[in-house]
Amino acid sequence: MNYQMDSKQQLFKLFKHQHLFVHDDHKFSALVGGFGSGKTTAFAVRTLVECGKNPGKRILISEPTYPMVRDVLQPTFEQVLRQSGFGYEYFATEMRYRVKWSTGWADVLMRSAENYQRWAGLNLAAFGIDEADQLRDDGAWKMGISRLRDGNTLRGFISTTPEGFKFVWDYWQNDPRPNYNLTRGKTEDNIMLPEEFITSLKENYDERLLRAYLNGEFVN
C-alpha cells in the first residue's frame, strides 16, 4: 500500500496494519504486532505525520532504554526520513531532529522512557513509545499525556510486541478507554521477511508464545 507523505515527497510503501496505525485519528493509538511485523517503521512514519500536523511544535519519541534509542529507533527513523525524501537536521547533543514539511519545521526529540521523569517541563504536540510493553508500568505513558499541551492535534501513540497482561493490554484491549484504539499486525503480514525467519520462530517457540510473537496476541 502506498502512502503519500507530502506532495513533494516520494511514495512510502506500507502494509495494511501500518497504514491503519499511521492514519489512526484516535487521540491514543496502539500498534501491537509480532516480531518483524514492521512496528518500528510504522512508528517512525507516524512520527513524521505528526510533524506535518504540528509545524513549529515538539514531538517526543522514545524507547524503554537509551541503547534501544541508539540501536533501534534512531536508525529506523533516519532510514524513513531518507526513503521519504524529507529534509532534516540533527543536533546530536540534544538528540533532536528538525524535520521539514511543506507546512514548516517540527522538532523531534528522542528520549529514554525509563527516565521519563526528565520529560517534566516539556510542552509537546505528540509523543510516542516504541516497545512500550517492555516498560514495568504506565509511568512514562502518563507523563507523556501530561506533556500534551502545545500543538494542533495532541496525540499519544505506542507500538509494541505484546509481553503479557500489562498496561498496554489493560488500556487498549481488556478495558478500552475512551479515544483509545488498537491496531494489530502479524509477522506474516510482512511479505518482505525471509521465509526462514518465520520457520525459525515456529521451531523455537511454543504455541502460546507464537500467539504473541507471530500474531500479536496478548497471552499470559
Protein backbone atom coordinates (compact mmCIF):
# COMPACT_ATOMS: atom_id res chain seq x y z
CA MET A 1 0.00 0.00 0.00
CA ASN A 2 1.30 3.45 -0.87
CA TYR A 3 1.06 6.39 1.46
CA GLN A 4 1.61 9.87 0.06
CA MET A 5 3.73 11.58 2.71
CA ASP A 6 3.67 15.02 1.09
CA SER A 7 3.14 16.49 -2.36
CA LYS A 8 6.90 16.90 -2.71
CA GLN A 9 7.84 13.57 -1.13
CA GLN A 10 8.24 10.09 -2.55
CA LEU A 11 5.62 7.42 -2.00
CA PHE A 12 6.27 5.32 1.08
CA LYS A 13 5.03 1.72 0.96
CA LEU A 14 3.12 0.46 3.99
CA PHE A 15 1.36 -2.78 4.83
CA LYS A 16 -2.32 -2.58 5.75
CA HIS A 17 -1.84 -2.63 9.53
CA GLN A 18 0.91 0.01 9.26
CA HIS A 19 -1.36 2.19 7.14
CA LEU A 20 -4.20 1.90 9.64
CA PHE A 21 -1.93 2.88 12.52
CA VAL A 22 -0.30 5.78 10.68
CA HIS A 23 -3.73 7.19 9.80
CA ASP A 24 -5.43 6.41 13.11
CA ASP A 25 -7.16 9.60 14.19
CA HIS A 26 -7.93 8.49 17.74
CA LYS A 27 -6.23 10.50 20.44
CA PHE A 28 -4.31 7.47 21.73
CA SER A 29 -3.28 4.80 19.22
CA ALA A 30 -1.51 1.48 19.60
CA LEU A 31 0.06 -0.88 17.07
CA VAL A 32 0.55 -4.31 18.63
CA GLY A 33 2.27 -6.88 16.44
CA GLY A 34 4.54 -9.86 16.15
CA PHE A 35 8.28 -9.86 15.62
CA GLY A 36 9.23 -8.34 12.27
CA SER A 37 5.75 -7.01 11.50
CA GLY A 38 7.11 -3.52 10.82
CA LYS A 39 6.07 -1.84 14.06
CA THR A 40 9.04 0.49 14.46
CA THR A 41 8.90 1.56 10.81
CA ALA A 42 5.22 2.40 11.19
CA PHE A 43 6.07 4.21 14.43
CA ALA A 44 8.64 6.35 12.59
CA VAL A 45 6.22 7.15 9.75
CA ARG A 46 3.55 8.08 12.29
CA THR A 47 6.05 10.46 13.87
CA LEU A 48 6.54 12.20 10.53
CA VAL A 49 2.80 12.53 10.08
CA GLU A 50 2.57 14.24 13.47
CA CYS A 51 5.35 16.60 12.36
CA GLY A 52 3.29 17.63 9.35
CA LYS A 53 0.25 18.32 11.52
CA ASN A 54 2.22 20.36 14.05
CA PRO A 55 4.64 22.77 12.34
CA GLY A 56 6.79 24.70 14.78
CA LYS A 57 5.99 22.29 17.62
CA ARG A 58 7.77 19.49 19.52
CA ILE A 59 7.20 15.77 19.31
CA LEU A 60 8.89 13.28 21.64
CA ILE A 61 9.51 9.65 20.71
CA SER A 62 11.12 7.08 22.96
CA GLU A 63 12.25 3.53 23.63
CA PRO A 64 12.36 1.81 27.03
CA THR A 65 16.16 2.27 27.27
CA TYR A 66 18.79 4.55 25.77
CA PRO A 67 20.61 1.69 23.93
CA MET A 68 17.31 0.90 22.19
CA VAL A 69 17.00 4.55 21.14
CA ARG A 70 20.51 4.43 19.70
CA ASP A 71 20.38 0.96 18.14
CA VAL A 72 16.72 0.64 17.04
CA LEU A 73 14.75 3.86 16.93
CA GLN A 74 17.33 6.31 15.59
CA PRO A 75 18.49 4.20 12.61
CA THR A 76 14.89 3.35 11.68
CA PHE A 77 13.80 6.98 11.89
CA GLU A 78 16.70 8.15 9.73
CA GLN A 79 16.02 5.41 7.18
CA VAL A 80 12.39 6.52 6.91
CA LEU A 81 13.50 10.15 6.57
CA ARG A 82 15.86 9.28 3.71
CA GLN A 83 13.44 6.97 1.91
CA SER A 84 10.65 9.54 2.16
CA GLY A 85 12.83 12.35 0.86
CA PHE A 86 12.40 14.64 3.86
CA GLY A 87 14.85 17.40 4.62
CA TYR A 88 16.13 17.28 8.18
CA GLU A 89 18.83 18.43 10.56
CA TYR A 90 20.19 16.52 13.54
CA PHE A 91 21.51 18.07 16.75
CA ALA A 92 23.49 15.33 18.47
CA THR A 93 23.97 16.96 21.87
CA GLU A 94 20.19 17.35 22.24
CA MET A 95 19.21 14.14 20.41
CA ARG A 96 16.88 16.34 18.40
CA TYR A 97 15.81 16.29 14.75
CA ARG A 98 14.34 19.19 12.82
CA VAL A 99 12.11 17.78 10.11
CA LYS A 100 10.93 19.87 7.16
CA TRP A 101 7.42 19.51 5.78
CA SER A 102 5.73 21.79 3.30
CA THR A 103 3.89 23.19 6.33
CA GLY A 104 7.15 24.09 8.10
CA TRP A 105 9.70 22.65 10.50
CA ALA A 106 8.91 20.49 13.54
CA ASP A 107 11.26 19.22 16.24
CA VAL A 108 11.51 15.53 17.16
CA LEU A 109 13.14 14.70 20.50
CA MET A 110 14.46 11.19 21.16
CA ARG A 111 14.43 10.06 24.78
CA SER A 112 14.64 7.01 27.03
CA ALA A 113 11.30 6.10 28.62
CA GLU A 114 12.98 4.63 31.70
CA ASN A 115 14.00 8.21 32.53
CA TYR A 116 10.56 9.65 31.90
CA GLN A 117 10.79 11.93 34.95
CA ARG A 118 13.14 14.09 32.86
CA TRP A 119 10.27 14.85 30.48
CA ALA A 120 8.76 17.14 33.12
CA GLY A 121 8.53 20.71 31.88
CA LEU A 122 8.27 19.81 28.19
CA ASN A 123 5.38 21.10 26.10
CA LEU A 124 4.54 18.59 23.38
CA ALA A 125 2.20 18.29 20.43
CA ALA A 126 2.56 14.48 20.36
CA PHE A 127 4.59 11.71 21.92
CA GLY A 128 5.20 8.03 21.24
CA ILE A 129 6.74 5.00 22.95
CA ASP A 130 8.10 2.12 20.89
CA GLU A 131 8.14 -1.35 22.53
CA ALA A 132 6.02 0.08 25.33
CA ASP A 133 5.21 -3.35 26.76
CA GLN A 134 8.82 -3.72 27.90
CA LEU A 135 8.21 -0.98 30.48
CA ARG A 136 7.48 -2.02 34.06
CA ASP A 137 4.43 0.20 34.41
CA ASP A 138 2.48 3.06 32.83
CA GLY A 139 4.55 5.88 34.38
CA ALA A 140 6.11 7.02 31.09
CA TRP A 141 2.74 6.89 29.34
CA LYS A 142 1.07 9.03 31.99
CA MET A 143 3.97 11.50 31.95
CA GLY A 144 3.66 11.80 28.16
CA ILE A 145 -0.05 12.52 28.44
CA SER A 146 0.65 15.27 30.96
CA ARG A 147 3.00 16.95 28.46
CA LEU A 148 0.40 17.21 25.64
CA ARG A 149 -0.29 20.90 25.82
CA ASP A 150 1.11 22.68 22.77
CA GLY A 151 0.04 21.53 19.32
CA ASN A 152 -2.72 21.18 16.77
CA THR A 153 -3.51 17.51 17.36
CA LEU A 154 -2.23 16.47 20.85
CA ARG A 155 -1.80 12.73 20.23
CA GLY A 156 -0.11 9.84 22.03
CA PHE A 157 0.84 6.58 20.30
CA ILE A 158 2.70 3.34 21.01
CA SER A 159 3.93 0.32 19.11
CA THR A 160 4.95 -2.92 20.76
CA THR A 161 5.23 -6.66 20.76
CA PRO A 162 2.83 -7.97 23.44
CA GLU A 163 4.61 -9.06 26.62
CA GLY A 164 1.81 -10.34 28.83
CA PHE A 165 -1.00 -8.59 30.62
CA LYS A 166 0.49 -5.19 31.33
CA PHE A 167 -0.77 -1.63 30.93
CA VAL A 168 -0.97 -1.85 27.13
CA TRP A 169 -3.33 -4.82 27.41
CA ASP A 170 -5.34 -3.09 30.10
CA TYR A 171 -5.66 0.30 28.37
CA TRP A 172 -6.24 -0.87 24.80
CA GLN A 173 -7.83 -4.35 24.99
CA ASN A 174 -9.10 -5.54 28.38
CA ASP A 175 -10.98 -2.37 29.26
CA PRO A 176 -10.50 0.07 26.37
CA ARG A 177 -10.62 3.68 27.46
CA PRO A 178 -12.34 6.47 25.53
CA ASN A 179 -10.33 7.63 22.49
CA TYR A 180 -8.02 4.57 22.66
CA ASN A 181 -7.72 2.38 19.56
CA LEU A 182 -5.68 -0.77 18.89
CA THR A 183 -4.39 -1.98 15.52
CA ARG A 184 -2.91 -5.48 15.35
CA GLY A 185 -0.25 -6.68 12.93
CA LYS A 186 1.01 -10.21 12.30
CA THR A 187 4.55 -11.22 11.42
CA GLU A 188 3.28 -12.97 8.31
CA ASP A 189 1.77 -9.69 7.10
CA ASN A 190 5.33 -8.58 6.30
CA ILE A 191 5.88 -10.27 2.96
CA MET A 192 9.41 -8.85 2.82
CA LEU A 193 10.68 -11.13 5.60
CA PRO A 194 12.75 -14.17 4.59
CA GLU A 195 10.75 -17.38 4.89
CA GLU A 196 13.30 -18.93 7.23
CA PHE A 197 12.64 -16.18 9.81
CA ILE A 198 9.08 -17.35 10.43
CA THR A 199 10.13 -21.01 10.21
CA SER A 200 12.76 -20.41 12.88
CA LEU A 201 10.23 -18.81 15.21
CA LYS A 202 7.86 -21.75 14.80
CA GLU A 203 10.67 -24.19 15.56
CA ASN A 204 11.86 -22.41 18.69
CA TYR A 205 8.73 -21.07 20.42
CA ASP A 206 5.78 -22.94 21.89
CA GLU A 207 2.22 -22.36 20.71
CA ARG A 208 1.46 -19.85 23.44
CA LEU A 209 4.45 -17.63 22.64
CA LEU A 210 3.79 -17.91 18.91
CA ARG A 211 0.39 -16.34 19.50
CA ALA A 212 2.21 -13.35 20.97
CA TYR A 213 5.31 -13.16 18.81
CA LEU A 214 3.74 -14.10 15.46
CA ASN A 215 0.13 -12.94 15.78
CA GLY A 216 0.47 -10.02 18.19
CA GLU A 217 -1.94 -11.50 20.73
CA PHE A 218 -1.75 -10.88 24.48
CA VAL A 219 -1.06 -14.11 26.38
CA ASN A 220 -0.03 -14.95 29.92
